[in-house]
Every structure is written in structure tokens, then in C-alpha cells.
Amino acid sequence: MKKRLTEAQFQAAIQDMDVGQQTLNIARAVLVEGVLQATFVTSLNLTKSAISQAVHRVWVSHEERSMPQGYERVTAVLPAHQAFIVKKWANEAAKKPEPHK
């Protein structure tokens, strides 16, 4: 799944972020405009890792800011049958309307 944001989502994600303008330019181009990350490797002479990190920082900020109140992101290592149940719960939660804030 390609990570994409609307301009409004991008602006909300970068609010109060302490990153340089180049990071913002790269992340906006990739996340909002759909420019391939590889484009910046050659045009800005940066590593794939540096480009990926710029995009990742903004994406993580978006995810943190867009989480509904009362929800919590978790990471766990589980047996397959338990993981199946947790994934099912996650899909059900994603379909529910956002709780009142």
C-alpha cells in the first residue's frame, strides 16, 4: 500500500515538527504528490535511507495525530491463531465511527 496524504493531512502532520525544509519538501512530494522516493536519490544526491527517513518521520507524525481518542497502537508478537484474532479486532475497530472527543 502506498502511503498518501491529502494536503490538509500533511499540513496537520508537520505542525510543530522540528525538521528542515528539505525534509518537508521531500515528504510532501512523496506523500502528497506521489513522487517516487528514488527521484530524490539522484536529484538531491542523497541515500535511499535518508529519503525514506524523511518520509517516515512525517508519516509517523500523521499516524500519531490522526489516532482517535481512546485508541492505542500496540505491537505484539503472538502465536498465529491469536494474531488472527487481533487482526480481526483491528479491522472491526477501523470500521467503527470515531469515538466522541
PDB file of N, CA and C in Angstrom:
ATOM      1  N   MET A   1       0.841  -1.183   0.000  1.00  0.00           N
ATOM      2  CA  MET A   1       0.000   0.000   0.000  1.00  0.00           C
ATOM      3  C   MET A   1       0.884   1.243   0.000  1.00  0.00           C
ATOM      4  N   LYS A   2       0.647   2.107  -0.957  1.00  0.00           N
ATOM      5  CA  LYS A   2       1.397   3.360  -0.995  1.00  0.00           C
ATOM      6  C   LYS A   2       0.853   4.320   0.049  1.00  0.00           C
ATOM      7  N   LYS A   3       1.751   4.929   0.751  1.00  0.00           N
ATOM      8  CA  LYS A   3       1.360   5.899   1.760  1.00  0.00           C
ATOM      9  C   LYS A   3       1.086   7.221   1.070  1.00  0.00           C
ATOM     10  N   ARG A   4      -0.120   7.737   1.263  1.00  0.00           N
ATOM     11  CA  ARG A   4      -0.500   9.015   0.662  1.00  0.00           C
ATOM     12  C   ARG A   4      -1.251   9.856   1.684  1.00  0.00           C
ATOM     13  N   LEU A   5      -1.093  11.156   1.581  1.00  0.00           N
ATOM     14  CA  LEU A   5      -1.798  12.113   2.425  1.00  0.00           C
ATOM     15  C   LEU A   5      -2.405  13.201   1.560  1.00  0.00           C
ATOM     16  N   THR A   6      -3.496  13.765   2.027  1.00  0.00           N
ATOM     17  CA  THR A   6      -4.022  14.966   1.392  1.00  0.00           C
ATOM     18  C   THR A   6      -3.150  16.135   1.857  1.00  0.00           C
ATOM     19  N   GLU A   7      -3.287  17.259   1.214  1.00  0.00           N
ATOM     20  CA  GLU A   7      -2.530  18.446   1.631  1.00  0.00           C
ATOM     21  C   GLU A   7      -2.885  18.826   3.068  1.00  0.00           C
ATOM     22  N   ALA A   8      -4.164  18.748   3.416  1.00  0.00           N
ATOM     23  CA  ALA A   8      -4.592  19.089   4.782  1.00  0.00           C
ATOM     24  C   ALA A   8      -4.001  18.121   5.803  1.00  0.00           C
ATOM     25  N   GLN A   9      -3.981  16.840   5.488  1.00  0.00           N
ATOM     26  CA  GLN A   9      -3.387  15.858   6.392  1.00  0.00           C
ATOM     27  C   GLN A   9      -1.895  16.110   6.558  1.00  0.00           C
ATOM     28  N   PHE A  10      -1.239  16.459   5.452  1.00  0.00           N
ATOM     29  CA  PHE A  10       0.192  16.747   5.502  1.00  0.00           C
ATOM     30  C   PHE A  10       0.460  17.951   6.396  1.00  0.00           C
ATOM     31  N   GLN A  11      -0.310  19.015   6.198  1.00  0.00           N
ATOM     32  CA  GLN A  11      -0.108  20.225   6.997  1.00  0.00           C
ATOM     33  C   GLN A  11      -0.339  19.957   8.479  1.00  0.00           C
ATOM     34  N   ALA A  12      -1.337  19.147   8.799  1.00  0.00           N
ATOM     35  CA  ALA A  12      -1.586  18.788  10.204  1.00  0.00           C
ATOM     36  C   ALA A  12      -0.427  17.965  10.759  1.00  0.00           C
ATOM     37  N   ALA A  13       0.117  17.072   9.947  1.00  0.00           N
ATOM     38  CA  ALA A  13       1.205  16.196  10.391  1.00  0.00           C
ATOM     39  C   ALA A  13       2.482  16.972  10.689  1.00  0.00           C
ATOM     40  N   ILE A  14       2.755  18.008   9.915  1.00  0.00           N
ATOM     41  CA  ILE A  14       4.024  18.731  10.091  1.00  0.00           C
ATOM     42  C   ILE A  14       3.936  19.867  11.094  1.00  0.00           C
ATOM     43  N   GLN A  15       2.731  20.126  11.581  1.00  0.00           N
ATOM     44  CA  GLN A  15       2.565  21.199  12.559  1.00  0.00           C
ATOM     45  C   GLN A  15       3.444  20.934  13.769  1.00  0.00           C
ATOM     46  N   ASP A  16       4.268  21.876  14.108  1.00  0.00           N
ATOM     47  CA  ASP A  16       5.160  21.809  15.270  1.00  0.00           C
ATOM     48  C   ASP A  16       6.294  20.790  15.131  1.00  0.00           C
ATOM     49  N   MET A  17       6.504  20.225  13.938  1.00  0.00           N
ATOM     50  CA  MET A  17       7.632  19.312  13.755  1.00  0.00           C
ATOM     51  C   MET A  17       8.914  20.128  13.643  1.00  0.00           C
ATOM     52  N   ASP A  18       9.956  19.625  14.237  1.00  0.00           N
ATOM     53  CA  ASP A  18      11.250  20.293  14.186  1.00  0.00           C
ATOM     54  C   ASP A  18      12.129  19.578  13.165  1.00  0.00           C
ATOM     55  N   VAL A  19      11.857  19.858  11.878  1.00  0.00           N
ATOM     56  CA  VAL A  19      12.622  19.259  10.782  1.00  0.00           C
ATOM     57  C   VAL A  19      12.966  20.344   9.776  1.00  0.00           C
ATOM     58  N   GLY A  20      13.970  20.080   8.978  1.00  0.00           N
ATOM     59  CA  GLY A  20      14.403  21.050   7.985  1.00  0.00           C
ATOM     60  C   GLY A  20      13.462  21.132   6.791  1.00  0.00           C
ATOM     61  N   GLN A  21      13.624  22.193   6.033  1.00  0.00           N
ATOM     62  CA  GLN A  21      12.780  22.420   4.866  1.00  0.00           C
ATOM     63  C   GLN A  21      12.960  21.332   3.812  1.00  0.00           C
ATOM     64  N   GLN A  22      14.175  20.830   3.664  1.00  0.00           N
ATOM     65  CA  GLN A  22      14.406  19.776   2.680  1.00  0.00           C
ATOM     66  C   GLN A  22      13.599  18.521   3.033  1.00  0.00           C
ATOM     67  N   THR A  23      13.572  18.178   4.322  1.00  0.00           N
ATOM     68  CA  THR A  23      12.777  17.032   4.767  1.00  0.00           C
ATOM     69  C   THR A  23      11.312  17.239   4.427  1.00  0.00           C
ATOM     70  N   LEU A  24      10.807  18.433   4.689  1.00  0.00           N
ATOM     71  CA  LEU A  24       9.403  18.741   4.390  1.00  0.00           C
ATOM     72  C   LEU A  24       9.130  18.677   2.893  1.00  0.00           C
ATOM     73  N   ASN A  25      10.044  19.201   2.099  1.00  0.00           N
ATOM     74  CA  ASN A  25       9.864  19.180   0.643  1.00  0.00           C
ATOM     75  C   ASN A  25       9.815  17.747   0.107  1.00  0.00           C
ATOM     76  N   ILE A  26      10.724  16.924   0.595  1.00  0.00           N
ATOM     77  CA  ILE A  26      10.768  15.526   0.155  1.00  0.00           C
ATOM     78  C   ILE A  26       9.492  14.805   0.579  1.00  0.00           C
ATOM     79  N   ALA A  27       9.147  14.924   1.853  1.00  0.00           N
ATOM     80  CA  ALA A  27       7.966  14.227   2.374  1.00  0.00           C
ATOM     81  C   ALA A  27       6.699  14.674   1.661  1.00  0.00           C
ATOM     82  N   ARG A  28       6.554  15.969   1.406  1.00  0.00           N
ATOM     83  CA  ARG A  28       5.363  16.466   0.726  1.00  0.00           C
ATOM     84  C   ARG A  28       5.285  15.909  -0.689  1.00  0.00           C
ATOM     85  N   ALA A  29       6.396  15.937  -1.394  1.00  0.00           N
ATOM     86  CA  ALA A  29       6.406  15.437  -2.775  1.00  0.00           C
ATOM     87  C   ALA A  29       6.014  13.963  -2.822  1.00  0.00           C
ATOM     88  N   VAL A  30       6.549  13.178  -1.898  1.00  0.00           N
ATOM     89  CA  VAL A  30       6.268  11.739  -1.892  1.00  0.00           C
ATOM     90  C   VAL A  30       4.853  11.458  -1.403  1.00  0.00           C
ATOM     91  N   LEU A  31       4.488  12.025  -0.265  1.00  0.00           N
ATOM     92  CA  LEU A  31       3.217  11.678   0.375  1.00  0.00           C
ATOM     93  C   LEU A  31       1.997  12.358  -0.251  1.00  0.00           C
ATOM     94  N   VAL A  32       2.160  13.574  -0.715  1.00  0.00           N
ATOM     95  CA  VAL A  32       1.017  14.313  -1.272  1.00  0.00           C
ATOM     96  C   VAL A  32       0.972  14.213  -2.793  1.00  0.00           C
ATOM     97  N   GLU A  33       2.119  14.410  -3.429  1.00  0.00           N
ATOM     98  CA  GLU A  33       2.152  14.454  -4.886  1.00  0.00           C
ATOM     99  C   GLU A  33       2.401  13.098  -5.542  1.00  0.00           C
ATOM    100  N   GLY A  34       2.860  12.124  -4.760  1.00  0.00           N
ATOM    101  CA  GLY A  34       3.087  10.792  -5.307  1.00  0.00           C
ATOM    102  C   GLY A  34       4.397  10.620  -6.058  1.00  0.00           C
ATOM    103  N   VAL A  35       5.351  11.518  -5.823  1.00  0.00           N
ATOM    104  CA  VAL A  35       6.662  11.405  -6.461  1.00  0.00           C
ATOM    105  C   VAL A  35       7.393  10.199  -5.857  1.00  0.00           C
ATOM    106  N   LEU A  36       8.064   9.436  -6.684  1.00  0.00           N
ATOM    107  CA  LEU A  36       8.806   8.276  -6.198  1.00  0.00           C
ATOM    108  C   LEU A  36      10.024   8.720  -5.385  1.00  0.00           C
ATOM    109  N   GLN A  37      10.286   7.995  -4.300  1.00  0.00           N
ATOM    110  CA  GLN A  37      11.435   8.330  -3.465  1.00  0.00           C
ATOM    111  C   GLN A  37      12.742   8.276  -4.246  1.00  0.00           C
ATOM    112  N   ALA A  38      12.840   7.351  -5.180  1.00  0.00           N
ATOM    113  CA  ALA A  38      14.062   7.205  -5.976  1.00  0.00           C
ATOM    114  C   ALA A  38      14.417   8.476  -6.736  1.00  0.00           C
ATOM    115  N   THR A  39      13.437   9.281  -7.045  1.00  0.00           N
ATOM    116  CA  THR A  39      13.672  10.545  -7.749  1.00  0.00           C
ATOM    117  C   THR A  39      14.647  11.429  -6.974  1.00  0.00           C
ATOM    118  N   PHE A  40      14.531  11.429  -5.660  1.00  0.00           N
ATOM    119  CA  PHE A  40      15.351  12.306  -4.831  1.00  0.00           C
ATOM    120  C   PHE A  40      16.752  11.753  -4.595  1.00  0.00           C
ATOM    121  N   VAL A  41      16.902  10.458  -4.733  1.00  0.00           N
ATOM    122  CA  VAL A  41      18.227   9.864  -4.566  1.00  0.00           C
ATOM    123  C   VAL A  41      19.181  10.477  -5.583  1.00  0.00           C
ATOM    124  N   THR A  42      18.725  10.580  -6.825  1.00  0.00           N
ATOM    125  CA  THR A  42      19.580  11.136  -7.874  1.00  0.00           C
ATOM    126  C   THR A  42      19.552  12.659  -7.896  1.00  0.00           C
ATOM    127  N   SER A  43      18.369  13.254  -7.769  1.00  0.00           N
ATOM    128  CA  SER A  43      18.287  14.717  -7.903  1.00  0.00           C
ATOM    129  C   SER A  43      18.941  15.460  -6.741  1.00  0.00           C
ATOM    130  N   LEU A  44      18.903  14.894  -5.539  1.00  0.00           N
ATOM    131  CA  LEU A  44      19.494  15.565  -4.377  1.00  0.00           C
ATOM    132  C   LEU A  44      20.774  14.892  -3.902  1.00  0.00           C
ATOM    133  N   ASN A  45      21.158  13.800  -4.586  1.00  0.00           N
ATOM    134  CA  ASN A  45      22.351  13.053  -4.224  1.00  0.00           C
ATOM    135  C   ASN A  45      22.326  12.611  -2.754  1.00  0.00           C
ATOM    136  N   LEU A  46      21.170  12.051  -2.356  1.00  0.00           N
ATOM    137  CA  LEU A  46      21.006  11.527  -1.003  1.00  0.00           C
ATOM    138  C   LEU A  46      20.850  10.014  -1.066  1.00  0.00           C
ATOM    139  N   THR A  47      21.046   9.348   0.058  1.00  0.00           N
ATOM    140  CA  THR A  47      20.874   7.900   0.090  1.00  0.00           C
ATOM    141  C   THR A  47      19.384   7.550   0.146  1.00  0.00           C
ATOM    142  N   LYS A  48      19.067   6.308  -0.253  1.00  0.00           N
ATOM    143  CA  LYS A  48      17.685   5.818  -0.148  1.00  0.00           C
ATOM    144  C   LYS A  48      17.215   5.913   1.299  1.00  0.00           C
ATOM    145  N   SER A  49      18.111   5.583   2.202  1.00  0.00           N
ATOM    146  CA  SER A  49      17.785   5.600   3.628  1.00  0.00           C
ATOM    147  C   SER A  49      17.414   7.006   4.103  1.00  0.00           C
ATOM    148  N   ALA A  50      18.151   8.007   3.666  1.00  0.00           N
ATOM    149  CA  ALA A  50      17.870   9.392   4.070  1.00  0.00           C
ATOM    150  C   ALA A  50      16.508   9.842   3.556  1.00  0.00           C
ATOM    151  N   ILE A  51      16.190   9.481   2.321  1.00  0.00           N
ATOM    152  CA  ILE A  51      14.889   9.840   1.739  1.00  0.00           C
ATOM    153  C   ILE A  51      13.777   9.134   2.497  1.00  0.00           C
ATOM    154  N   SER A  52      13.967   7.844   2.735  1.00  0.00           N
ATOM    155  CA  SER A  52      12.972   7.051   3.448  1.00  0.00           C
ATOM    156  C   SER A  52      12.730   7.605   4.847  1.00  0.00           C
ATOM    157  N   GLN A  53      13.780   7.989   5.514  1.00  0.00           N
ATOM    158  CA  GLN A  53      13.646   8.533   6.866  1.00  0.00           C
ATOM    159  C   GLN A  53      12.858   9.840   6.867  1.00  0.00           C
ATOM    160  N   ALA A  54      13.092  10.696   5.895  1.00  0.00           N
ATOM    161  CA  ALA A  54      12.359  11.964   5.800  1.00  0.00           C
ATOM    162  C   ALA A  54      10.862  11.703   5.666  1.00  0.00           C
ATOM    163  N   VAL A  55      10.515  10.786   4.792  1.00  0.00           N
ATOM    164  CA  VAL A  55       9.104  10.456   4.562  1.00  0.00           C
ATOM    165  C   VAL A  55       8.526   9.788   5.811  1.00  0.00           C
ATOM    166  N   HIS A  56       9.293   8.882   6.390  1.00  0.00           N
ATOM    167  CA  HIS A  56       8.825   8.145   7.565  1.00  0.00           C
ATOM    168  C   HIS A  56       8.520   9.072   8.740  1.00  0.00           C
ATOM    169  N   ARG A  57       9.348  10.063   8.961  1.00  0.00           N
ATOM    170  CA  ARG A  57       9.139  10.980  10.089  1.00  0.00           C
ATOM    171  C   ARG A  57       7.801  11.686   9.985  1.00  0.00           C
ATOM    172  N   VAL A  58       7.462  12.144   8.791  1.00  0.00           N
ATOM    173  CA  VAL A  58       6.189  12.836   8.602  1.00  0.00           C
ATOM    174  C   VAL A  58       5.031  11.843   8.689  1.00  0.00           C
ATOM    175  N   TRP A  59       5.201  10.646   8.121  1.00  0.00           N
ATOM    176  CA  TRP A  59       4.140   9.638   8.167  1.00  0.00           C
ATOM    177  C   TRP A  59       3.819   9.247   9.611  1.00  0.00           C
ATOM    178  N   VAL A  60       4.848   9.046  10.423  1.00  0.00           N
ATOM    179  CA  VAL A  60       4.636   8.681  11.829  1.00  0.00           C
ATOM    180  C   VAL A  60       3.909   9.805  12.564  1.00  0.00           C
ATOM    181  N   SER A  61       4.279  11.028  12.284  1.00  0.00           N
ATOM    182  CA  SER A  61       3.591  12.165  12.896  1.00  0.00           C
ATOM    183  C   SER A  61       2.114  12.157  12.510  1.00  0.00           C
ATOM    184  N   HIS A  62       1.838  11.886  11.237  1.00  0.00           N
ATOM    185  CA  HIS A  62       0.443  11.804  10.777  1.00  0.00           C
ATOM    186  C   HIS A  62      -0.311  10.714  11.533  1.00  0.00           C
ATOM    187  N   GLU A  63       0.290   9.544  11.643  1.00  0.00           N
ATOM    188  CA  GLU A  63      -0.379   8.429  12.329  1.00  0.00           C
ATOM    189  C   GLU A  63      -0.661   8.769  13.789  1.00  0.00           C
ATOM    190  N   GLU A  64       0.286   9.390  14.449  1.00  0.00           N
ATOM    191  CA  GLU A  64       0.109   9.735  15.864  1.00  0.00           C
ATOM    192  C   GLU A  64      -0.985  10.773  16.051  1.00  0.00           C
ATOM    193  N   ARG A  65      -1.037  11.744  15.157  1.00  0.00           N
ATOM    194  CA  ARG A  65      -2.013  12.828  15.291  1.00  0.00           C
ATOM    195  C   ARG A  65      -3.418  12.422  14.850  1.00  0.00           C
ATOM    196  N   SER A  66      -3.517  11.389  14.022  1.00  0.00           N
ATOM    197  CA  SER A  66      -4.827  11.008  13.496  1.00  0.00           C
ATOM    198  C   SER A  66      -5.465   9.849  14.253  1.00  0.00           C
ATOM    199  N   MET A  67      -4.834   9.401  15.314  1.00  0.00           N
ATOM    200  CA  MET A  67      -5.383   8.299  16.094  1.00  0.00           C
ATOM    201  C   MET A  67      -6.604   8.798  16.879  1.00  0.00           C
ATOM    202  N   PRO A  68      -7.719   8.081  16.771  1.00  0.00           N
ATOM    203  CA  PRO A  68      -8.916   8.503  17.515  1.00  0.00           C
ATOM    204  C   PRO A  68      -8.674   8.454  19.021  1.00  0.00           C
ATOM    205  N   GLN A  69      -9.323   9.362  19.718  1.00  0.00           N
ATOM    206  CA  GLN A  69      -9.215   9.392  21.174  1.00  0.00           C
ATOM    207  C   GLN A  69      -9.744   8.078  21.737  1.00  0.00           C
ATOM    208  N   GLY A  70      -9.052   7.565  22.712  1.00  0.00           N
ATOM    209  CA  GLY A  70      -9.469   6.323  23.332  1.00  0.00           C
ATOM    210  C   GLY A  70      -8.877   5.084  22.675  1.00  0.00           C
ATOM    211  N   TYR A  71      -8.118   5.276  21.588  1.00  0.00           N
ATOM    212  CA  TYR A  71      -7.467   4.167  20.904  1.00  0.00           C
ATOM    213  C   TYR A  71      -5.985   4.184  21.236  1.00  0.00           C
ATOM    214  N   GLU A  72      -5.351   3.053  21.091  1.00  0.00           N
ATOM    215  CA  GLU A  72      -3.923   2.932  21.357  1.00  0.00           C
ATOM    216  C   GLU A  72      -3.317   1.981  20.338  1.00  0.00           C
ATOM    217  N   ARG A  73      -2.171   2.342  19.792  1.00  0.00           N
ATOM    218  CA  ARG A  73      -1.459   1.484  18.858  1.00  0.00           C
ATOM    219  C   ARG A  73      -0.596   0.523  19.663  1.00  0.00           C
ATOM    220  N   VAL A  74      -0.637  -0.754  19.311  1.00  0.00           N
ATOM    221  CA  VAL A  74       0.163  -1.756  20.007  1.00  0.00           C
ATOM    222  C   VAL A  74       0.941  -2.585  19.003  1.00  0.00           C
ATOM    223  N   THR A  75       2.055  -3.092  19.449  1.00  0.00           N
ATOM    224  CA  THR A  75       2.854  -4.032  18.672  1.00  0.00           C
ATOM    225  C   THR A  75       3.069  -5.249  19.545  1.00  0.00           C
ATOM    226  N   ALA A  76       2.835  -6.419  18.978  1.00  0.00           N
ATOM    227  CA  ALA A  76       2.970  -7.640  19.771  1.00  0.00           C
ATOM    228  C   ALA A  76       3.409  -8.791  18.884  1.00  0.00           C
ATOM    229  N   VAL A  77       4.087  -9.736  19.491  1.00  0.00           N
ATOM    230  CA  VAL A  77       4.435 -10.988  18.822  1.00  0.00           C
ATOM    231  C   VAL A  77       3.551 -12.053  19.452  1.00  0.00           C
ATOM    232  N   LEU A  78       2.721 -12.682  18.612  1.00  0.00           N
ATOM    233  CA  LEU A  78       1.725 -13.634  19.110  1.00  0.00           C
ATOM    234  C   LEU A  78       1.732 -14.908  18.291  1.00  0.00           C
ATOM    235  N   PRO A  79       1.220 -15.989  18.860  1.00  0.00           N
ATOM    236  CA  PRO A  79       1.005 -17.192  18.042  1.00  0.00           C
ATOM    237  C   PRO A  79       0.016 -16.862  16.917  1.00  0.00           C
ATOM    238  N   ALA A  80       0.104 -17.587  15.829  1.00  0.00           N
ATOM    239  CA  ALA A  80      -0.690 -17.285  14.636  1.00  0.00           C
ATOM    240  C   ALA A  80      -2.181 -17.168  14.918  1.00  0.00           C
ATOM    241  N   HIS A  81      -2.740 -18.055  15.722  1.00  0.00           N
ATOM    242  CA  HIS A  81      -4.185 -18.004  15.961  1.00  0.00           C
ATOM    243  C   HIS A  81      -4.579 -16.763  16.752  1.00  0.00           C
ATOM    244  N   GLN A  82      -3.738 -16.324  17.681  1.00  0.00           N
ATOM    245  CA  GLN A  82      -4.031 -15.097  18.417  1.00  0.00           C
ATOM    246  C   GLN A  82      -3.840 -13.871  17.534  1.00  0.00           C
ATOM    247  N   ALA A  83      -2.819 -13.887  16.692  1.00  0.00           N
ATOM    248  CA  ALA A  83      -2.595 -12.773  15.763  1.00  0.00           C
ATOM    249  C   ALA A  83      -3.787 -12.612  14.834  1.00  0.00           C
ATOM    250  N   PHE A  84      -4.354 -13.729  14.380  1.00  0.00           N
ATOM    251  CA  PHE A  84      -5.535 -13.687  13.520  1.00  0.00           C
ATOM    252  C   PHE A  84      -6.677 -12.954  14.221  1.00  0.00           C
ATOM    253  N   ILE A  85      -6.889 -13.262  15.495  1.00  0.00           N
ATOM    254  CA  ILE A  85      -7.968 -12.622  16.259  1.00  0.00           C
ATOM    255  C   ILE A  85      -7.704 -11.129  16.417  1.00  0.00           C
ATOM    256  N   VAL A  86      -6.482 -10.777  16.744  1.00  0.00           N
ATOM    257  CA  VAL A  86      -6.141  -9.358  16.931  1.00  0.00           C
ATOM    258  C   VAL A  86      -6.313  -8.589  15.624  1.00  0.00           C
ATOM    259  N   LYS A  87      -5.892  -9.172  14.499  1.00  0.00           N
ATOM    260  CA  LYS A  87      -6.078  -8.520  13.199  1.00  0.00           C
ATOM    261  C   LYS A  87      -7.558  -8.331  12.905  1.00  0.00           C
ATOM    262  N   LYS A  88      -8.366  -9.302  13.270  1.00  0.00           N
ATOM    263  CA  LYS A  88      -9.812  -9.199  13.079  1.00  0.00           C
ATOM    264  C   LYS A  88     -10.366  -8.036  13.906  1.00  0.00           C
ATOM    265  N   TRP A  89      -9.921  -7.932  15.163  1.00  0.00           N
ATOM    266  CA  TRP A  89     -10.339  -6.819  16.014  1.00  0.00           C
ATOM    267  C   TRP A  89      -9.928  -5.472  15.406  1.00  0.00           C
ATOM    268  N   ALA A  90      -8.704  -5.415  14.878  1.00  0.00           N
ATOM    269  CA  ALA A  90      -8.216  -4.172  14.278  1.00  0.00           C
ATOM    270  C   ALA A  90      -9.068  -3.777  13.087  1.00  0.00           C
ATOM    271  N   ASN A  91      -9.436  -4.737  12.259  1.00  0.00           N
ATOM    272  CA  ASN A  91     -10.294  -4.445  11.101  1.00  0.00           C
ATOM    273  C   ASN A  91     -11.665  -3.960  11.544  1.00  0.00           C
ATOM    274  N   GLU A  92     -12.216  -4.564  12.583  1.00  0.00           N
ATOM    275  CA  GLU A  92     -13.514  -4.143  13.104  1.00  0.00           C
ATOM    276  C   GLU A  92     -13.437  -2.737  13.690  1.00  0.00           C
ATOM    277  N   ALA A  93     -12.368  -2.449  14.409  1.00  0.00           N
ATOM    278  CA  ALA A  93     -12.201  -1.120  15.010  1.00  0.00           C
ATOM    279  C   ALA A  93     -12.061  -0.047  13.940  1.00  0.00           C
ATOM    280  N   ALA A  94     -11.408  -0.389  12.839  1.00  0.00           N
ATOM    281  CA  ALA A  94     -11.217   0.580  11.756  1.00  0.00           C
ATOM    282  C   ALA A  94     -12.544   0.935  11.076  1.00  0.00           C
ATOM    283  N   LYS A  95     -13.509   0.041  11.143  1.00  0.00           N
ATOM    284  CA  LYS A  95     -14.816   0.281  10.519  1.00  0.00           C
ATOM    285  C   LYS A  95     -15.759   1.083  11.398  1.00  0.00           C
ATOM    286  N   LYS A  96     -15.464   1.145  12.699  1.00  0.00           N
ATOM    287  CA  LYS A  96     -16.342   1.844  13.645  1.00  0.00           C
ATOM    288  C   LYS A  96     -16.156   3.346  13.489  1.00  0.00           C
ATOM    289  N   PRO A  97     -17.253   4.099  13.723  1.00  0.00           N
ATOM    290  CA  PRO A  97     -17.089   5.558  13.718  1.00  0.00           C
ATOM    291  C   PRO A  97     -16.178   5.975  14.858  1.00  0.00           C
ATOM    292  N   GLU A  98     -15.530   7.092  14.655  1.00  0.00           N
ATOM    293  CA  GLU A  98     -14.604   7.604  15.670  1.00  0.00           C
ATOM    294  C   GLU A  98     -15.361   7.936  16.947  1.00  0.00           C
ATOM    295  N   PRO A  99     -14.820   7.526  18.120  1.00  0.00           N
ATOM    296  CA  PRO A  99     -15.476   7.864  19.397  1.00  0.00           C
ATOM    297  C   PRO A  99     -15.534   9.375  19.585  1.00  0.00           C
ATOM    298  N   HIS A 100     -16.479   9.807  20.356  1.00  0.00           N
ATOM    299  CA  HIS A 100     -16.611  11.257  20.639  1.00  0.00           C
ATOM    300  C   HIS A 100     -15.419  11.731  21.428  1.00  0.00           C
ATOM    301  N   LYS A 101     -14.965  12.926  21.080  1.00  0.00           N
ATOM    302  CA  LYS A 101     -13.807  13.507  21.764  1.00  0.00           C
ATOM    303  C   LYS A 101     -14.224  14.452  22.864  1.00  0.00           C
TER     304      LYS A 101
END
